[in-house]
Amino acid sequence: MYAAGDFFIVPSRFEPCGLTDFFAQLLGNLPIVHAVGGLVKTVDGRFGYSYLGGEAELREALQRALRDYREPDMPAIREMQRAAVKNIYENFTWDKVLAKKYLPLYRLAKERMRPDMPY
């Protein structure tokens, strides 16, 4: 599903994580997302399409995406695809995220762990 599409629509009203946009982007499928929770990293016009609001705003985002899709050779689409993948690899791969955020958090948790905890 991720690899077969041109756009991946995520109209969630609540999104705690937001990994679906990454999965789609890595396969060249641009997300069209409601800019909430973990989906706010899909910067409108740079890594896909995002909107705030309801049905009318979603419709407008879909129209923008289709307008860009209909352009000869789709320059806006191709640029967003490249930028989205580059953004993921530069900012969100495990080597970046693990080293910067998770390892310090794990070390702090280990320091604060009570001796009577089973783990």
PDB file of N, CA and C in Angstrom:
ATOM      1  N   MET A   1       0.815  -1.173   0.000  1.00  0.00           N
ATOM      2  CA  MET A   1       0.000   0.000   0.000  1.00  0.00           C
ATOM      3  C   MET A   1       0.876   1.261   0.000  1.00  0.00           C
ATOM      4  N   TYR A   2       1.928   1.259   0.818  1.00  0.00           N
ATOM      5  CA  TYR A   2       2.803   2.431   0.857  1.00  0.00           C
ATOM      6  C   TYR A   2       3.534   2.627  -0.467  1.00  0.00           C
ATOM      7  N   ALA A   3       4.022   1.559  -1.044  1.00  0.00           N
ATOM      8  CA  ALA A   3       4.838   1.663  -2.247  1.00  0.00           C
ATOM      9  C   ALA A   3       4.014   1.860  -3.506  1.00  0.00           C
ATOM     10  N   ALA A   4       2.750   1.492  -3.490  1.00  0.00           N
ATOM     11  CA  ALA A   4       1.948   1.518  -4.702  1.00  0.00           C
ATOM     12  C   ALA A   4       1.287   2.859  -4.979  1.00  0.00           C
ATOM     13  N   GLY A   5       1.188   3.720  -3.978  1.00  0.00           N
ATOM     14  CA  GLY A   5       0.448   4.962  -4.157  1.00  0.00           C
ATOM     15  C   GLY A   5       1.323   6.142  -4.530  1.00  0.00           C
ATOM     16  N   ASP A   6       0.646   7.210  -4.873  1.00  0.00           N
ATOM     17  CA  ASP A   6       1.316   8.479  -5.119  1.00  0.00           C
ATOM     18  C   ASP A   6       1.158   9.405  -3.918  1.00  0.00           C
ATOM     19  N   PHE A   7       0.035   9.253  -3.217  1.00  0.00           N
ATOM     20  CA  PHE A   7      -0.252  10.045  -2.022  1.00  0.00           C
ATOM     21  C   PHE A   7      -0.773   9.127  -0.933  1.00  0.00           C
ATOM     22  N   PHE A   8      -0.461   9.467   0.288  1.00  0.00           N
ATOM     23  CA  PHE A   8      -0.919   8.697   1.442  1.00  0.00           C
ATOM     24  C   PHE A   8      -1.685   9.654   2.354  1.00  0.00           C
ATOM     25  N   ILE A   9      -2.977   9.489   2.443  1.00  0.00           N
ATOM     26  CA  ILE A   9      -3.826  10.420   3.179  1.00  0.00           C
ATOM     27  C   ILE A   9      -3.969   9.961   4.623  1.00  0.00           C
ATOM     28  N   VAL A  10      -3.621  10.856   5.551  1.00  0.00           N
ATOM     29  CA  VAL A  10      -3.716  10.573   6.989  1.00  0.00           C
ATOM     30  C   VAL A  10      -4.516  11.712   7.641  1.00  0.00           C
ATOM     31  N   PRO A  11      -5.849  11.592   7.634  1.00  0.00           N
ATOM     32  CA  PRO A  11      -6.684  12.668   8.176  1.00  0.00           C
ATOM     33  C   PRO A  11      -6.962  12.532   9.673  1.00  0.00           C
ATOM     34  N   SER A  12      -6.048  11.954  10.415  1.00  0.00           N
ATOM     35  CA  SER A  12      -6.240  11.705  11.843  1.00  0.00           C
ATOM     36  C   SER A  12      -6.576  12.985  12.601  1.00  0.00           C
ATOM     37  N   ARG A  13      -7.481  12.866  13.548  1.00  0.00           N
ATOM     38  CA  ARG A  13      -7.748  13.997  14.448  1.00  0.00           C
ATOM     39  C   ARG A  13      -6.774  13.975  15.610  1.00  0.00           C
ATOM     40  N   PHE A  14      -6.220  12.809  15.902  1.00  0.00           N
ATOM     41  CA  PHE A  14      -5.253  12.611  16.978  1.00  0.00           C
ATOM     42  C   PHE A  14      -4.222  11.629  16.462  1.00  0.00           C
ATOM     43  N   GLU A  15      -2.954  11.937  16.625  1.00  0.00           N
ATOM     44  CA  GLU A  15      -1.887  11.066  16.128  1.00  0.00           C
ATOM     45  C   GLU A  15      -0.714  11.127  17.093  1.00  0.00           C
ATOM     46  N   PRO A  16      -0.603  10.153  17.993  1.00  0.00           N
ATOM     47  CA  PRO A  16       0.458  10.217  19.000  1.00  0.00           C
ATOM     48  C   PRO A  16       1.857   9.973  18.453  1.00  0.00           C
ATOM     49  N   CYS A  17       1.987   9.247  17.376  1.00  0.00           N
ATOM     50  CA  CYS A  17       3.315   8.851  16.913  1.00  0.00           C
ATOM     51  C   CYS A  17       3.641   9.438  15.551  1.00  0.00           C
ATOM     52  N   GLY A  18       2.923   9.060  14.557  1.00  0.00           N
ATOM     53  CA  GLY A  18       3.145   9.588  13.227  1.00  0.00           C
ATOM     54  C   GLY A  18       4.274   8.920  12.471  1.00  0.00           C
ATOM     55  N   LEU A  19       4.302   7.604  12.425  1.00  0.00           N
ATOM     56  CA  LEU A  19       5.312   6.915  11.620  1.00  0.00           C
ATOM     57  C   LEU A  19       4.816   6.617  10.215  1.00  0.00           C
ATOM     58  N   THR A  20       3.500   6.638  10.026  1.00  0.00           N
ATOM     59  CA  THR A  20       2.964   6.294   8.709  1.00  0.00           C
ATOM     60  C   THR A  20       3.446   7.252   7.633  1.00  0.00           C
ATOM     61  N   ASP A  21       3.606   8.519   7.977  1.00  0.00           N
ATOM     62  CA  ASP A  21       4.096   9.469   6.978  1.00  0.00           C
ATOM     63  C   ASP A  21       5.530   9.131   6.574  1.00  0.00           C
ATOM     64  N   PHE A  22       6.356   8.697   7.522  1.00  0.00           N
ATOM     65  CA  PHE A  22       7.729   8.294   7.200  1.00  0.00           C
ATOM     66  C   PHE A  22       7.732   7.076   6.279  1.00  0.00           C
ATOM     67  N   PHE A  23       6.942   6.073   6.595  1.00  0.00           N
ATOM     68  CA  PHE A  23       6.896   4.868   5.765  1.00  0.00           C
ATOM     69  C   PHE A  23       6.543   5.244   4.321  1.00  0.00           C
ATOM     70  N   ALA A  24       5.528   6.088   4.190  1.00  0.00           N
ATOM     71  CA  ALA A  24       5.095   6.502   2.854  1.00  0.00           C
ATOM     72  C   ALA A  24       6.187   7.296   2.146  1.00  0.00           C
ATOM     73  N   GLN A  25       6.776   8.261   2.831  1.00  0.00           N
ATOM     74  CA  GLN A  25       7.792   9.116   2.221  1.00  0.00           C
ATOM     75  C   GLN A  25       8.987   8.317   1.723  1.00  0.00           C
ATOM     76  N   LEU A  26       9.422   7.347   2.492  1.00  0.00           N
ATOM     77  CA  LEU A  26      10.583   6.555   2.090  1.00  0.00           C
ATOM     78  C   LEU A  26      10.341   5.763   0.818  1.00  0.00           C
ATOM     79  N   LEU A  27       9.070   5.570   0.464  1.00  0.00           N
ATOM     80  CA  LEU A  27       8.731   4.839  -0.752  1.00  0.00           C
ATOM     81  C   LEU A  27       8.210   5.762  -1.846  1.00  0.00           C
ATOM     82  N   GLY A  28       8.418   7.076  -1.682  1.00  0.00           N
ATOM     83  CA  GLY A  28       8.030   8.031  -2.708  1.00  0.00           C
ATOM     84  C   GLY A  28       6.565   8.398  -2.720  1.00  0.00           C
ATOM     85  N   ASN A  29       5.850   8.023  -1.680  1.00  0.00           N
ATOM     86  CA  ASN A  29       4.415   8.253  -1.565  1.00  0.00           C
ATOM     87  C   ASN A  29       4.223   9.459  -0.641  1.00  0.00           C
ATOM     88  N   LEU A  30       3.874  10.608  -1.178  1.00  0.00           N
ATOM     89  CA  LEU A  30       3.800  11.823  -0.371  1.00  0.00           C
ATOM     90  C   LEU A  30       2.570  11.825   0.541  1.00  0.00           C
ATOM     91  N   PRO A  31       2.781  12.131   1.808  1.00  0.00           N
ATOM     92  CA  PRO A  31       1.654  12.171   2.728  1.00  0.00           C
ATOM     93  C   PRO A  31       0.847  13.461   2.601  1.00  0.00           C
ATOM     94  N   ILE A  32      -0.440  13.312   2.801  1.00  0.00           N
ATOM     95  CA  ILE A  32      -1.362  14.439   2.951  1.00  0.00           C
ATOM     96  C   ILE A  32      -1.933  14.265   4.344  1.00  0.00           C
ATOM     97  N   VAL A  33      -1.496  15.102   5.276  1.00  0.00           N
ATOM     98  CA  VAL A  33      -1.786  14.852   6.689  1.00  0.00           C
ATOM     99  C   VAL A  33      -2.484  16.017   7.371  1.00  0.00           C
ATOM    100  N   HIS A  34      -3.272  15.662   8.370  1.00  0.00           N
ATOM    101  CA  HIS A  34      -3.808  16.655   9.297  1.00  0.00           C
ATOM    102  C   HIS A  34      -2.663  16.945  10.259  1.00  0.00           C
ATOM    103  N   ALA A  35      -2.234  18.192  10.350  1.00  0.00           N
ATOM    104  CA  ALA A  35      -1.032  18.556  11.112  1.00  0.00           C
ATOM    105  C   ALA A  35      -1.283  18.505  12.609  1.00  0.00           C
ATOM    106  N   VAL A  36      -1.354  17.285  13.135  1.00  0.00           N
ATOM    107  CA  VAL A  36      -1.546  17.059  14.572  1.00  0.00           C
ATOM    108  C   VAL A  36      -0.527  16.041  15.062  1.00  0.00           C
ATOM    109  N   GLY A  37      -0.188  16.109  16.332  1.00  0.00           N
ATOM    110  CA  GLY A  37       0.695  15.125  16.964  1.00  0.00           C
ATOM    111  C   GLY A  37       1.963  14.881  16.180  1.00  0.00           C
ATOM    112  N   GLY A  38       2.264  13.616  15.961  1.00  0.00           N
ATOM    113  CA  GLY A  38       3.478  13.225  15.277  1.00  0.00           C
ATOM    114  C   GLY A  38       3.500  13.540  13.795  1.00  0.00           C
ATOM    115  N   LEU A  39       2.392  14.015  13.262  1.00  0.00           N
ATOM    116  CA  LEU A  39       2.335  14.334  11.831  1.00  0.00           C
ATOM    117  C   LEU A  39       2.777  15.756  11.510  1.00  0.00           C
ATOM    118  N   VAL A  40       3.029  16.568  12.523  1.00  0.00           N
ATOM    119  CA  VAL A  40       3.416  17.961  12.259  1.00  0.00           C
ATOM    120  C   VAL A  40       4.768  18.057  11.557  1.00  0.00           C
ATOM    121  N   LYS A  41       5.542  16.989  11.579  1.00  0.00           N
ATOM    122  CA  LYS A  41       6.845  17.005  10.910  1.00  0.00           C
ATOM    123  C   LYS A  41       6.711  16.937   9.390  1.00  0.00           C
ATOM    124  N   THR A  42       5.511  16.639   8.883  1.00  0.00           N
ATOM    125  CA  THR A  42       5.268  16.713   7.449  1.00  0.00           C
ATOM    126  C   THR A  42       5.005  18.178   7.121  1.00  0.00           C
ATOM    127  N   VAL A  43       6.068  18.903   6.847  1.00  0.00           N
ATOM    128  CA  VAL A  43       5.978  20.343   6.599  1.00  0.00           C
ATOM    129  C   VAL A  43       5.322  20.558   5.237  1.00  0.00           C
ATOM    130  N   ASP A  44       4.254  21.307   5.243  1.00  0.00           N
ATOM    131  CA  ASP A  44       3.463  21.547   4.036  1.00  0.00           C
ATOM    132  C   ASP A  44       4.312  22.158   2.931  1.00  0.00           C
ATOM    133  N   GLY A  45       4.275  21.504   1.768  1.00  0.00           N
ATOM    134  CA  GLY A  45       5.007  22.001   0.621  1.00  0.00           C
ATOM    135  C   GLY A  45       6.471  21.619   0.580  1.00  0.00           C
ATOM    136  N   ARG A  46       6.970  21.032   1.663  1.00  0.00           N
ATOM    137  CA  ARG A  46       8.382  20.603   1.682  1.00  0.00           C
ATOM    138  C   ARG A  46       8.502  19.088   1.663  1.00  0.00           C
ATOM    139  N   PHE A  47       7.726  18.406   2.515  1.00  0.00           N
ATOM    140  CA  PHE A  47       7.832  16.946   2.649  1.00  0.00           C
ATOM    141  C   PHE A  47       6.509  16.253   2.348  1.00  0.00           C
ATOM    142  N   GLY A  48       5.558  16.974   1.837  1.00  0.00           N
ATOM    143  CA  GLY A  48       4.219  16.471   1.584  1.00  0.00           C
ATOM    144  C   GLY A  48       3.249  17.626   1.727  1.00  0.00           C
ATOM    145  N   TYR A  49       2.019  17.291   2.063  1.00  0.00           N
ATOM    146  CA  TYR A  49       0.984  18.308   2.204  1.00  0.00           C
ATOM    147  C   TYR A  49       0.360  18.171   3.586  1.00  0.00           C
ATOM    148  N   SER A  50       0.160  19.294   4.246  1.00  0.00           N
ATOM    149  CA  SER A  50      -0.485  19.238   5.549  1.00  0.00           C
ATOM    150  C   SER A  50      -1.524  20.345   5.628  1.00  0.00           C
ATOM    151  N   TYR A  51      -2.451  20.152   6.536  1.00  0.00           N
ATOM    152  CA  TYR A  51      -3.520  21.132   6.711  1.00  0.00           C
ATOM    153  C   TYR A  51      -3.958  21.130   8.163  1.00  0.00           C
ATOM    154  N   LEU A  52      -4.541  22.221   8.567  1.00  0.00           N
ATOM    155  CA  LEU A  52      -5.178  22.337   9.879  1.00  0.00           C
ATOM    156  C   LEU A  52      -6.639  22.619   9.631  1.00  0.00           C
ATOM    157  N   GLY A  53      -7.489  21.992  10.378  1.00  0.00           N
ATOM    158  CA  GLY A  53      -8.910  22.257  10.203  1.00  0.00           C
ATOM    159  C   GLY A  53      -9.675  20.987   9.915  1.00  0.00           C
ATOM    160  N   GLY A  54     -10.714  21.137   9.137  1.00  0.00           N
ATOM    161  CA  GLY A  54     -11.614  20.023   8.885  1.00  0.00           C
ATOM    162  C   GLY A  54     -11.688  19.623   7.432  1.00  0.00           C
ATOM    163  N   GLU A  55     -12.886  19.268   7.036  1.00  0.00           N
ATOM    164  CA  GLU A  55     -13.109  18.711   5.712  1.00  0.00           C
ATOM    165  C   GLU A  55     -12.750  19.677   4.584  1.00  0.00           C
ATOM    166  N   ALA A  56     -13.081  20.951   4.730  1.00  0.00           N
ATOM    167  CA  ALA A  56     -12.776  21.930   3.683  1.00  0.00           C
ATOM    168  C   ALA A  56     -11.264  22.070   3.494  1.00  0.00           C
ATOM    169  N   GLU A  57     -10.515  22.072   4.588  1.00  0.00           N
ATOM    170  CA  GLU A  57      -9.055  22.200   4.504  1.00  0.00           C
ATOM    171  C   GLU A  57      -8.418  20.940   3.919  1.00  0.00           C
ATOM    172  N   LEU A  58      -8.972  19.788   4.261  1.00  0.00           N
ATOM    173  CA  LEU A  58      -8.496  18.536   3.661  1.00  0.00           C
ATOM    174  C   LEU A  58      -8.736  18.568   2.155  1.00  0.00           C
ATOM    175  N   ARG A  59      -9.908  18.987   1.746  1.00  0.00           N
ATOM    176  CA  ARG A  59     -10.232  19.070   0.320  1.00  0.00           C
ATOM    177  C   ARG A  59      -9.240  20.004  -0.397  1.00  0.00           C
ATOM    178  N   GLU A  60      -8.909  21.116   0.229  1.00  0.00           N
ATOM    179  CA  GLU A  60      -7.974  22.067  -0.375  1.00  0.00           C
ATOM    180  C   GLU A  60      -6.577  21.440  -0.505  1.00  0.00           C
ATOM    181  N   ALA A  61      -6.137  20.704   0.514  1.00  0.00           N
ATOM    182  CA  ALA A  61      -4.835  20.029   0.450  1.00  0.00           C
ATOM    183  C   ALA A  61      -4.826  18.982  -0.659  1.00  0.00           C
ATOM    184  N   LEU A  62      -5.919  18.244  -0.803  1.00  0.00           N
ATOM    185  CA  LEU A  62      -6.018  17.263  -1.880  1.00  0.00           C
ATOM    186  C   LEU A  62      -5.964  17.941  -3.245  1.00  0.00           C
ATOM    187  N   GLN A  63      -6.639  19.062  -3.377  1.00  0.00           N
ATOM    188  CA  GLN A  63      -6.620  19.794  -4.646  1.00  0.00           C
ATOM    189  C   GLN A  63      -5.219  20.298  -4.982  1.00  0.00           C
ATOM    190  N   ARG A  64      -4.486  20.789  -3.973  1.00  0.00           N
ATOM    191  CA  ARG A  64      -3.111  21.238  -4.205  1.00  0.00           C
ATOM    192  C   ARG A  64      -2.238  20.078  -4.661  1.00  0.00           C
ATOM    193  N   ALA A  65      -2.398  18.935  -3.991  1.00  0.00           N
ATOM    194  CA  ALA A  65      -1.607  17.755  -4.354  1.00  0.00           C
ATOM    195  C   ALA A  65      -1.901  17.325  -5.790  1.00  0.00           C
ATOM    196  N   LEU A  66      -3.168  17.288  -6.145  1.00  0.00           N
ATOM    197  CA  LEU A  66      -3.528  16.882  -7.509  1.00  0.00           C
ATOM    198  C   LEU A  66      -3.075  17.896  -8.547  1.00  0.00           C
ATOM    199  N   ARG A  67      -3.111  19.180  -8.217  1.00  0.00           N
ATOM    200  CA  ARG A  67      -2.608  20.214  -9.129  1.00  0.00           C
ATOM    201  C   ARG A  67      -1.119  19.980  -9.399  1.00  0.00           C
ATOM    202  N   ASP A  68      -0.346  19.735  -8.339  1.00  0.00           N
ATOM    203  CA  ASP A  68       1.087  19.476  -8.506  1.00  0.00           C
ATOM    204  C   ASP A  68       1.333  18.190  -9.284  1.00  0.00           C
ATOM    205  N   TYR A  69       0.487  17.195  -9.064  1.00  0.00           N
ATOM    206  CA  TYR A  69       0.625  15.903  -9.735  1.00  0.00           C
ATOM    207  C   TYR A  69       0.401  16.028 -11.242  1.00  0.00           C
ATOM    208  N   ARG A  70      -0.470  16.952 -11.634  1.00  0.00           N
ATOM    209  CA  ARG A  70      -0.811  17.117 -13.053  1.00  0.00           C
ATOM    210  C   ARG A  70       0.208  17.933 -13.837  1.00  0.00           C
ATOM    211  N   GLU A  71       1.158  18.557 -13.154  1.00  0.00           N
ATOM    212  CA  GLU A  71       2.193  19.339 -13.839  1.00  0.00           C
ATOM    213  C   GLU A  71       3.090  18.395 -14.653  1.00  0.00           C
ATOM    214  N   PRO A  72       3.488  18.810 -15.854  1.00  0.00           N
ATOM    215  CA  PRO A  72       4.410  17.971 -16.640  1.00  0.00           C
ATOM    216  C   PRO A  72       5.691  17.677 -15.841  1.00  0.00           C
ATOM    217  N   ASP A  73       6.058  16.448 -15.801  1.00  0.00           N
ATOM    218  CA  ASP A  73       7.243  15.958 -15.080  1.00  0.00           C
ATOM    219  C   ASP A  73       7.166  16.170 -13.561  1.00  0.00           C
ATOM    220  N   MET A  74       6.080  16.704 -13.074  1.00  0.00           N
ATOM    221  CA  MET A  74       5.799  16.857 -11.639  1.00  0.00           C
ATOM    222  C   MET A  74       6.983  17.420 -10.844  1.00  0.00           C
ATOM    223  N   PRO A  75       7.517  18.596 -11.180  1.00  0.00           N
ATOM    224  CA  PRO A  75       8.699  19.107 -10.472  1.00  0.00           C
ATOM    225  C   PRO A  75       8.473  19.298  -8.972  1.00  0.00           C
ATOM    226  N   ALA A  76       7.320  19.788  -8.557  1.00  0.00           N
ATOM    227  CA  ALA A  76       7.058  19.989  -7.118  1.00  0.00           C
ATOM    228  C   ALA A  76       6.992  18.655  -6.396  1.00  0.00           C
ATOM    229  N   ILE A  77       6.362  17.682  -7.026  1.00  0.00           N
ATOM    230  CA  ILE A  77       6.250  16.343  -6.428  1.00  0.00           C
ATOM    231  C   ILE A  77       7.635  15.730  -6.279  1.00  0.00           C
ATOM    232  N   ARG A  78       8.427  15.761  -7.332  1.00  0.00           N
ATOM    233  CA  ARG A  78       9.761  15.155  -7.299  1.00  0.00           C
ATOM    234  C   ARG A  78      10.646  15.823  -6.243  1.00  0.00           C
ATOM    235  N   GLU A  79      10.561  17.139  -6.147  1.00  0.00           N
ATOM    236  CA  GLU A  79      11.365  17.861  -5.153  1.00  0.00           C
ATOM    237  C   GLU A  79      10.937  17.484  -3.736  1.00  0.00           C
ATOM    238  N   MET A  80       9.631  17.385  -3.498  1.00  0.00           N
ATOM    239  CA  MET A  80       9.155  16.987  -2.160  1.00  0.00           C
ATOM    240  C   MET A  80       9.583  15.564  -1.835  1.00  0.00           C
ATOM    241  N   GLN A  81       9.542  14.673  -2.802  1.00  0.00           N
ATOM    242  CA  GLN A  81       9.967  13.290  -2.566  1.00  0.00           C
ATOM    243  C   GLN A  81      11.432  13.255  -2.136  1.00  0.00           C
ATOM    244  N   ARG A  82      12.273  13.959  -2.880  1.00  0.00           N
ATOM    245  CA  ARG A  82      13.704  13.997  -2.531  1.00  0.00           C
ATOM    246  C   ARG A  82      13.927  14.642  -1.161  1.00  0.00           C
ATOM    247  N   ALA A  83      13.267  15.768  -0.920  1.00  0.00           N
ATOM    248  CA  ALA A  83      13.443  16.482   0.354  1.00  0.00           C
ATOM    249  C   ALA A  83      12.959  15.658   1.539  1.00  0.00           C
ATOM    250  N   ALA A  84      11.864  14.928   1.350  1.00  0.00           N
ATOM    251  CA  ALA A  84      11.321  14.115   2.445  1.00  0.00           C
ATOM    252  C   ALA A  84      12.290  13.007   2.845  1.00  0.00           C
ATOM    253  N   VAL A  85      12.824  12.306   1.867  1.00  0.00           N
ATOM    254  CA  VAL A  85      13.770  11.222   2.157  1.00  0.00           C
ATOM    255  C   VAL A  85      15.044  11.786   2.787  1.00  0.00           C
ATOM    256  N   LYS A  86      15.537  12.882   2.243  1.00  0.00           N
ATOM    257  CA  LYS A  86      16.735  13.516   2.801  1.00  0.00           C
ATOM    258  C   LYS A  86      16.493  13.933   4.249  1.00  0.00           C
ATOM    259  N   ASN A  87      15.347  14.517   4.534  1.00  0.00           N
ATOM    260  CA  ASN A  87      14.998  14.922   5.899  1.00  0.00           C
ATOM    261  C   ASN A  87      14.995  13.737   6.857  1.00  0.00           C
ATOM    262  N   ILE A  88      14.420  12.638   6.439  1.00  0.00           N
ATOM    263  CA  ILE A  88      14.372  11.444   7.293  1.00  0.00           C
ATOM    264  C   ILE A  88      15.789  10.949   7.583  1.00  0.00           C
ATOM    265  N   TYR A  89      16.604  10.811   6.548  1.00  0.00           N
ATOM    266  CA  TYR A  89      17.957  10.290   6.742  1.00  0.00           C
ATOM    267  C   TYR A  89      18.863  11.239   7.520  1.00  0.00           C
ATOM    268  N   GLU A  90      18.640  12.526   7.380  1.00  0.00           N
ATOM    269  CA  GLU A  90      19.483  13.484   8.099  1.00  0.00           C
ATOM    270  C   GLU A  90      19.057  13.707   9.549  1.00  0.00           C
ATOM    271  N   ASN A  91      17.783  13.488   9.852  1.00  0.00           N
ATOM    272  CA  ASN A  91      17.284  13.854  11.181  1.00  0.00           C
ATOM    273  C   ASN A  91      16.615  12.754  11.988  1.00  0.00           C
ATOM    274  N   PHE A  92      16.192  11.662  11.347  1.00  0.00           N
ATOM    275  CA  PHE A  92      15.359  10.720  12.071  1.00  0.00           C
ATOM    276  C   PHE A  92      15.800   9.264  11.995  1.00  0.00           C
ATOM    277  N   THR A  93      16.992   8.974  11.495  1.00  0.00           N
ATOM    278  CA  THR A  93      17.438   7.581  11.490  1.00  0.00           C
ATOM    279  C   THR A  93      17.849   7.195  12.911  1.00  0.00           C
ATOM    280  N   TRP A  94      17.888   5.909  13.181  1.00  0.00           N
ATOM    281  CA  TRP A  94      18.186   5.450  14.535  1.00  0.00           C
ATOM    282  C   TRP A  94      19.530   5.940  15.033  1.00  0.00           C
ATOM    283  N   ASP A  95      20.526   5.983  14.163  1.00  0.00           N
ATOM    284  CA  ASP A  95      21.830   6.438  14.650  1.00  0.00           C
ATOM    285  C   ASP A  95      21.768   7.884  15.127  1.00  0.00           C
ATOM    286  N   LYS A  96      20.943   8.702  14.494  1.00  0.00           N
ATOM    287  CA  LYS A  96      20.793  10.098  14.930  1.00  0.00           C
ATOM    288  C   LYS A  96      19.927  10.193  16.190  1.00  0.00           C
ATOM    289  N   VAL A  97      18.756   9.592  16.140  1.00  0.00           N
ATOM    290  CA  VAL A  97      17.798   9.695  17.245  1.00  0.00           C
ATOM    291  C   VAL A  97      18.290   8.951  18.474  1.00  0.00           C
ATOM    292  N   LEU A  98      18.827   7.761  18.279  1.00  0.00           N
ATOM    293  CA  LEU A  98      19.286   6.964  19.409  1.00  0.00           C
ATOM    294  C   LEU A  98      20.401   7.682  20.160  1.00  0.00           C
ATOM    295  N   ALA A  99      21.359   8.167  19.428  1.00  0.00           N
ATOM    296  CA  ALA A  99      22.503   8.821  20.071  1.00  0.00           C
ATOM    297  C   ALA A  99      22.103  10.127  20.752  1.00  0.00           C
ATOM    298  N   LYS A 100      21.234  10.885  20.143  1.00  0.00           N
ATOM    299  CA  LYS A 100      20.901  12.206  20.676  1.00  0.00           C
ATOM    300  C   LYS A 100      19.851  12.181  21.783  1.00  0.00           C
ATOM    301  N   LYS A 101      18.886  11.282  21.664  1.00  0.00           N
ATOM    302  CA  LYS A 101      17.740  11.359  22.567  1.00  0.00           C
ATOM    303  C   LYS A 101      17.572  10.141  23.465  1.00  0.00           C
ATOM    304  N   TYR A 102      17.619   8.947  22.885  1.00  0.00           N
ATOM    305  CA  TYR A 102      17.269   7.768  23.651  1.00  0.00           C
ATOM    306  C   TYR A 102      18.360   7.296  24.605  1.00  0.00           C
ATOM    307  N   LEU A 103      19.604   7.286  24.171  1.00  0.00           N
ATOM    308  CA  LEU A 103      20.661   6.819  25.067  1.00  0.00           C
ATOM    309  C   LEU A 103      20.754   7.654  26.342  1.00  0.00           C
ATOM    310  N   PRO A 104      20.734   8.981  26.266  1.00  0.00           N
ATOM    311  CA  PRO A 104      20.739   9.754  27.518  1.00  0.00           C
ATOM    312  C   PRO A 104      19.517   9.466  28.394  1.00  0.00           C
ATOM    313  N   LEU A 105      18.383   9.269  27.774  1.00  0.00           N
ATOM    314  CA  LEU A 105      17.177   8.951  28.536  1.00  0.00           C
ATOM    315  C   LEU A 105      17.307   7.589  29.227  1.00  0.00           C
ATOM    316  N   TYR A 106      17.797   6.593  28.520  1.00  0.00           N
ATOM    317  CA  TYR A 106      18.002   5.269  29.111  1.00  0.00           C
ATOM    318  C   TYR A 106      19.013   5.321  30.256  1.00  0.00           C
ATOM    319  N   ARG A 107      20.083   6.066  30.051  1.00  0.00           N
ATOM    320  CA  ARG A 107      21.093   6.185  31.124  1.00  0.00           C
ATOM    321  C   ARG A 107      20.505   6.830  32.370  1.00  0.00           C
ATOM    322  N   LEU A 108      19.719   7.865  32.193  1.00  0.00           N
ATOM    323  CA  LEU A 108      19.060   8.526  33.318  1.00  0.00           C
ATOM    324  C   LEU A 108      18.106   7.573  34.021  1.00  0.00           C
ATOM    325  N   ALA A 109      17.335   6.818  33.251  1.00  0.00           N
ATOM    326  CA  ALA A 109      16.411   5.852  33.851  1.00  0.00           C
ATOM    327  C   ALA A 109      17.169   4.787  34.632  1.00  0.00           C
ATOM    328  N   LYS A 110      18.273   4.315  34.084  1.00  0.00           N
ATOM    329  CA  LYS A 110      19.076   3.302  34.775  1.00  0.00           C
ATOM    330  C   LYS A 110      19.643   3.851  36.077  1.00  0.00           C
ATOM    331  N   GLU A 111      20.103   5.104  36.064  1.00  0.00           N
ATOM    332  CA  GLU A 111      20.637   5.726  37.281  1.00  0.00           C
ATOM    333  C   GLU A 111      19.574   5.848  38.367  1.00  0.00           C
ATOM    334  N   ARG A 112      18.358   6.087  37.951  1.00  0.00           N
ATOM    335  CA  ARG A 112      17.267   6.316  38.910  1.00  0.00           C
ATOM    336  C   ARG A 112      16.506   5.043  39.274  1.00  0.00           C
ATOM    337  N   MET A 113      16.891   3.937  38.685  1.00  0.00           N
ATOM    338  CA  MET A 113      16.184   2.676  38.917  1.00  0.00           C
ATOM    339  C   MET A 113      16.373   2.218  40.362  1.00  0.00           C
ATOM    340  N   ARG A 114      15.285   1.834  40.965  1.00  0.00           N
ATOM    341  CA  ARG A 114      15.347   1.337  42.351  1.00  0.00           C
ATOM    342  C   ARG A 114      15.923  -0.083  42.362  1.00  0.00           C
ATOM    343  N   PRO A 115      16.670  -0.431  43.419  1.00  0.00           N
ATOM    344  CA  PRO A 115      17.273  -1.777  43.484  1.00  0.00           C
ATOM    345  C   PRO A 115      16.231  -2.897  43.546  1.00  0.00           C
ATOM    346  N   ASP A 116      15.039  -2.611  44.043  1.00  0.00           N
ATOM    347  CA  ASP A 116      14.024  -3.656  44.167  1.00  0.00           C
ATOM    348  C   ASP A 116      13.207  -3.865  42.888  1.00  0.00           C
ATOM    349  N   MET A 117      13.520  -3.108  41.836  1.00  0.00           N
ATOM    350  CA  MET A 117      12.792  -3.270  40.567  1.00  0.00           C
ATOM    351  C   MET A 117      13.290  -4.539  39.884  1.00  0.00           C
ATOM    352  N   PRO A 118      12.377  -5.310  39.279  1.00  0.00           N
ATOM    353  CA  PRO A 118      12.768  -6.586  38.653  1.00  0.00           C
ATOM    354  C   PRO A 118      13.625  -6.440  37.419  1.00  0.00           C
ATOM    355  N   TYR A 119      13.691  -5.312  36.799  1.00  0.00           N
ATOM    356  CA  TYR A 119      14.470  -5.162  35.570  1.00  0.00           C
ATOM    357  C   TYR A 119      15.782  -4.566  35.880  1.00  0.00           C
TER     358      TYR A 119
END
